Amino acid sequence: MTDRNEGTDSSSPRPNSKDKGPPDEEAAMLLRFRQGEREAFEWLVRKYRQPAVHFAHHLTGDYHLAEDLAQDCFAHLLVYPEKYDFRASFKTYLYTLLRHKCIDAWRKSRRTLPGEAGGRNESGRMSPKEHPDDGQMSGRYISPYALDDPARLAIVREEDREWHRRMRMLKPDYRLAVYLVDIAQLSYEEASSIMQRSTVSFRVLLHRARKKLRQIYEGEEWDCEIQRTGASISR
């Protein structure tokens, strides 16, 4: 009877079966990637490059810089595939690497991440270079119908800019927490790992961030209503 483990390296890390692991195809690709197979690496790049760029863009506010940092991150993965040890999902591992690269890039340029010291023009809107024009914008879902309708796409883009503007009004850690869970669709465990917090601490942070974002929305709606009616009402 043939041992089904024959010919395999028993010392190689394996995906943790107790966790919610990736689909079978991705699990197989990750094993091949860690063994240095170029085809598996290219598969991961095709799947994760655009989400990585959006994440870096969210952190830096500069889409072109985000593309460069994502490229640097994948170059690192190509050279050091063995450093991925399956203790976290690949997306968590990738985003953690990318977050560190974003921080390093802004430290080298002696600047601060957007939101820590401005990051907006006088109108509160971001500069044109902060807005990608790739049909996906911030990484939020966009209906394919909107992409085929110029008028609807213009509305979606304006809503995206408004969403970005309100997000920039949050503290950086609040903004990152909301992005990781509500936009990147990461679990609390994955997001807390990226932010280097305990899960409990992250849940508290996310609750406060969502509450603050809701207050921003409600405050702007109130101001618009006062302007519309011309009323002078003290809150």
Protein backbone atom coordinates (compact mmCIF):
# COMPACT_ATOMS: atom_id res chain seq x y z
CA MET A 1 0.00 0.00 0.00
CA THR A 2 1.49 3.31 -1.04
CA ASP A 3 1.89 6.01 1.57
CA ARG A 4 -0.07 9.01 0.27
CA ASN A 5 2.54 11.30 1.87
CA GLU A 6 5.36 9.64 -0.06
CA GLY A 7 7.43 12.10 -2.05
CA THR A 8 6.27 15.13 -0.04
CA ASP A 9 8.27 17.28 2.33
CA SER A 10 6.70 16.68 5.72
CA SER A 11 8.61 19.60 7.19
CA SER A 12 6.98 22.14 4.84
CA PRO A 13 4.30 24.34 6.41
CA ARG A 14 0.73 23.54 5.46
CA PRO A 15 -2.43 25.62 5.55
CA ASN A 16 -4.08 25.41 8.96
CA SER A 17 -7.09 23.18 8.49
CA LYS A 18 -8.76 24.59 11.61
CA ASP A 19 -8.98 28.04 10.07
CA LYS A 20 -11.19 29.14 7.23
CA GLY A 21 -8.58 28.46 4.62
CA PRO A 22 -8.52 29.59 0.98
CA PRO A 23 -10.33 27.63 -1.75
CA ASP A 24 -8.63 24.46 -2.94
CA GLU A 25 -7.19 26.13 -6.02
CA GLU A 26 -5.61 28.93 -4.02
CA ALA A 27 -4.32 26.51 -1.38
CA ALA A 28 -2.61 24.50 -4.11
CA MET A 29 -1.19 27.65 -5.68
CA LEU A 30 0.16 28.83 -2.33
CA LEU A 31 1.99 25.56 -1.82
CA ARG A 32 3.48 25.79 -5.30
CA PHE A 33 4.31 29.47 -4.78
CA ARG A 34 6.22 28.67 -1.60
CA GLN A 35 8.20 26.08 -3.52
CA GLY A 36 9.28 28.82 -5.92
CA GLU A 37 7.08 28.10 -8.93
CA ARG A 38 6.81 31.18 -11.14
CA GLU A 39 3.44 30.18 -12.58
CA ALA A 40 1.90 30.07 -9.09
CA PHE A 41 3.41 33.47 -8.26
CA GLU A 42 1.92 34.99 -11.42
CA TRP A 43 -1.48 33.50 -10.50
CA LEU A 44 -1.33 35.27 -7.13
CA VAL A 45 -0.29 38.54 -8.78
CA ARG A 46 -3.28 38.41 -11.14
CA LYS A 47 -5.64 37.78 -8.24
CA TYR A 48 -4.25 40.21 -5.67
CA ARG A 49 -2.50 43.01 -7.55
CA GLN A 50 -5.51 45.31 -7.93
CA PRO A 51 -6.74 44.87 -4.32
CA ALA A 52 -3.17 45.56 -3.17
CA VAL A 53 -2.97 48.75 -5.21
CA HIS A 54 -6.30 49.95 -3.81
CA PHE A 55 -5.14 49.23 -0.27
CA ALA A 56 -1.87 51.12 -0.76
CA HIS A 57 -3.78 53.96 -2.44
CA HIS A 58 -6.04 54.16 0.59
CA LEU A 59 -3.01 54.45 2.88
CA THR A 60 -0.94 56.89 0.81
CA GLY A 61 -3.54 58.93 -1.08
CA ASP A 62 -1.32 58.70 -4.17
CA TYR A 63 -2.41 56.15 -6.77
CA HIS A 64 0.86 56.14 -8.71
CA LEU A 65 2.87 55.65 -5.52
CA ALA A 66 0.46 52.88 -4.56
CA GLU A 67 1.18 51.06 -7.82
CA ASP A 68 4.93 51.31 -7.20
CA LEU A 69 4.64 50.05 -3.63
CA ALA A 70 2.46 47.12 -4.67
CA GLN A 71 5.03 46.26 -7.33
CA ASP A 72 7.81 46.38 -4.72
CA CYS A 73 5.77 44.14 -2.46
CA PHE A 74 5.28 41.49 -5.13
CA ALA A 75 8.97 41.69 -6.01
CA HIS A 76 9.74 40.91 -2.37
CA LEU A 77 7.37 37.93 -2.50
CA LEU A 78 9.05 36.66 -5.67
CA VAL A 79 12.50 36.74 -4.05
CA TYR A 80 11.43 35.40 -0.64
CA PRO A 81 8.49 32.99 -1.17
CA GLU A 82 9.64 30.81 1.73
CA LYS A 83 8.85 33.58 4.21
CA TYR A 84 5.14 32.93 3.79
CA ASP A 85 4.42 30.25 6.41
CA PHE A 86 0.61 29.86 6.25
CA ARG A 87 0.09 31.19 9.78
CA ALA A 88 -2.13 33.88 8.26
CA SER A 89 -4.11 34.05 5.05
CA PHE A 90 -2.12 35.21 2.04
CA LYS A 91 -4.19 38.40 1.83
CA THR A 92 -3.43 39.22 5.47
CA TYR A 93 0.27 38.54 4.88
CA LEU A 94 0.27 40.67 1.71
CA TYR A 95 -1.54 43.60 3.32
CA THR A 96 0.77 43.51 6.34
CA LEU A 97 3.83 43.71 4.09
CA LEU A 98 2.23 46.48 2.06
CA ARG A 99 1.30 48.51 5.13
CA HIS A 100 4.92 48.44 6.30
CA LYS A 101 6.14 49.48 2.84
CA CYS A 102 3.70 52.40 2.79
CA ILE A 103 4.88 53.58 6.20
CA ASP A 104 8.54 53.25 5.18
CA ALA A 105 7.96 55.16 1.95
CA TRP A 106 6.33 58.09 3.72
CA ARG A 107 9.01 58.16 6.41
CA LYS A 108 11.73 58.33 3.76
CA SER A 109 9.97 61.25 2.10
CA ARG A 110 9.63 62.93 5.52
CA ARG A 111 5.91 63.22 5.09
CA THR A 112 2.96 61.86 7.01
CA LEU A 113 0.22 59.59 5.80
CA PRO A 114 -2.86 61.45 4.53
CA GLY A 115 -5.15 62.37 7.38
CA GLU A 116 -2.37 62.76 9.93
CA ALA A 117 -1.39 66.20 8.76
CA GLY A 118 -3.80 67.46 6.18
CA GLY A 119 -3.81 65.29 3.09
CA ARG A 120 -6.58 67.36 1.50
CA ASN A 121 -6.85 70.63 -0.34
CA GLU A 122 -8.71 73.63 1.04
CA SER A 123 -12.08 72.37 -0.19
CA GLY A 124 -11.65 69.11 1.68
CA ARG A 125 -11.41 67.16 -1.57
CA MET A 126 -8.46 65.08 -2.63
CA SER A 127 -6.24 66.16 -5.48
CA PRO A 128 -6.74 64.56 -8.92
CA LYS A 129 -3.69 62.31 -8.57
CA GLU A 130 -5.38 60.62 -5.62
CA HIS A 131 -8.18 59.29 -7.79
CA PRO A 132 -7.50 56.25 -9.97
CA ASP A 133 -9.29 56.17 -13.28
CA ASP A 134 -9.42 52.41 -13.68
CA GLY A 135 -13.15 51.83 -13.33
CA GLN A 136 -12.77 50.50 -9.79
CA MET A 137 -11.80 53.62 -7.86
CA SER A 138 -11.65 53.00 -4.12
CA GLY A 139 -12.10 49.26 -4.36
CA ARG A 140 -15.80 49.37 -3.49
CA TYR A 141 -18.18 47.35 -5.65
CA ILE A 142 -19.38 49.14 -8.77
CA SER A 143 -22.23 47.77 -10.81
CA PRO A 144 -21.16 46.80 -14.35
CA TYR A 145 -24.21 48.74 -15.56
CA ALA A 146 -22.66 51.94 -14.22
CA LEU A 147 -19.49 51.36 -16.23
CA ASP A 148 -21.54 51.27 -19.45
CA ASP A 149 -23.53 54.42 -18.63
CA PRO A 150 -21.44 57.64 -18.64
CA ALA A 151 -24.06 59.61 -16.70
CA ARG A 152 -24.41 56.92 -14.05
CA LEU A 153 -20.64 56.45 -13.88
CA ALA A 154 -20.21 60.18 -13.24
CA ILE A 155 -22.60 59.92 -10.30
CA VAL A 156 -20.77 56.88 -8.95
CA ARG A 157 -17.43 58.68 -9.22
CA GLU A 158 -18.81 61.68 -7.35
CA GLU A 159 -20.16 59.40 -4.61
CA ASP A 160 -16.76 57.74 -4.43
CA ARG A 161 -15.05 61.11 -4.00
CA GLU A 162 -17.52 62.01 -1.25
CA TRP A 163 -16.88 58.71 0.48
CA HIS A 164 -13.13 59.34 0.33
CA ARG A 165 -13.61 62.86 1.70
CA ARG A 166 -15.58 61.63 4.69
CA MET A 167 -13.11 58.83 5.33
CA ARG A 168 -10.27 61.38 5.37
CA MET A 169 -12.04 63.12 8.22
CA LEU A 170 -11.46 60.08 10.43
CA LYS A 171 -8.32 59.44 12.42
CA PRO A 172 -5.86 57.23 10.47
CA ASP A 173 -6.42 54.15 12.64
CA TYR A 174 -10.21 54.58 12.40
CA ARG A 175 -9.98 54.91 8.63
CA LEU A 176 -7.82 51.82 8.27
CA ALA A 177 -10.11 49.73 10.46
CA VAL A 178 -13.17 50.64 8.40
CA TYR A 179 -11.35 49.99 5.13
CA LEU A 180 -10.04 46.56 6.12
CA VAL A 181 -13.41 45.19 7.23
CA ASP A 182 -16.02 47.11 5.23
CA ILE A 183 -14.14 47.52 1.94
CA ALA A 184 -11.43 44.84 1.83
CA GLN A 185 -13.87 42.38 3.44
CA LEU A 186 -11.30 40.96 5.85
CA SER A 187 -12.30 39.17 9.02
CA TYR A 188 -11.79 40.78 12.42
CA GLU A 189 -8.90 38.40 13.04
CA GLU A 190 -7.19 39.25 9.75
CA ALA A 191 -7.70 43.00 10.16
CA SER A 192 -6.46 42.99 13.75
CA SER A 193 -3.35 41.10 12.65
CA ILE A 194 -2.58 43.71 9.98
CA MET A 195 -3.04 46.53 12.50
CA GLN A 196 -1.05 44.61 15.12
CA ARG A 197 -3.84 44.71 17.69
CA SER A 198 -5.70 42.11 19.67
CA THR A 199 -9.05 41.09 18.22
CA VAL A 200 -10.90 42.63 21.17
CA SER A 201 -9.02 45.90 20.81
CA PHE A 202 -9.71 45.96 17.08
CA ARG A 203 -13.45 45.38 17.57
CA VAL A 204 -13.60 48.35 19.94
CA LEU A 205 -11.65 50.49 17.47
CA LEU A 206 -13.91 49.54 14.57
CA HIS A 207 -17.05 50.25 16.61
CA ARG A 208 -15.76 53.74 17.44
CA ALA A 209 -14.70 54.33 13.83
CA ARG A 210 -18.12 53.38 12.44
CA LYS A 211 -19.83 55.53 15.06
CA LYS A 212 -17.67 58.53 14.12
CA LEU A 213 -18.29 58.01 10.41
CA ARG A 214 -22.03 57.83 11.04
CA GLN A 215 -21.83 61.11 13.00
CA ILE A 216 -20.07 62.73 10.03
CA TYR A 217 -22.81 61.60 7.65
CA GLU A 218 -25.59 62.72 10.00
CA GLY A 219 -23.89 66.06 10.67
CA GLU A 220 -23.62 66.82 6.96
CA GLU A 221 -27.25 65.84 6.36
CA TRP A 222 -28.30 68.18 9.17
CA ASP A 223 -26.26 71.05 7.72
CA CYS A 224 -27.76 70.48 4.27
CA GLU A 225 -31.27 70.55 5.71
CA ILE A 226 -30.60 73.85 7.50
CA GLN A 227 -29.20 75.36 4.31
CA ARG A 228 -32.19 74.10 2.32
CA THR A 229 -34.80 75.51 4.69
CA GLY A 230 -32.85 78.58 5.74
CA ALA A 231 -33.61 77.71 9.34
CA SER A 232 -31.43 78.74 12.21
CA ILE A 233 -31.67 75.97 14.73
CA SER A 234 -29.24 75.39 17.53
CA ARG A 235 -28.31 71.76 18.05
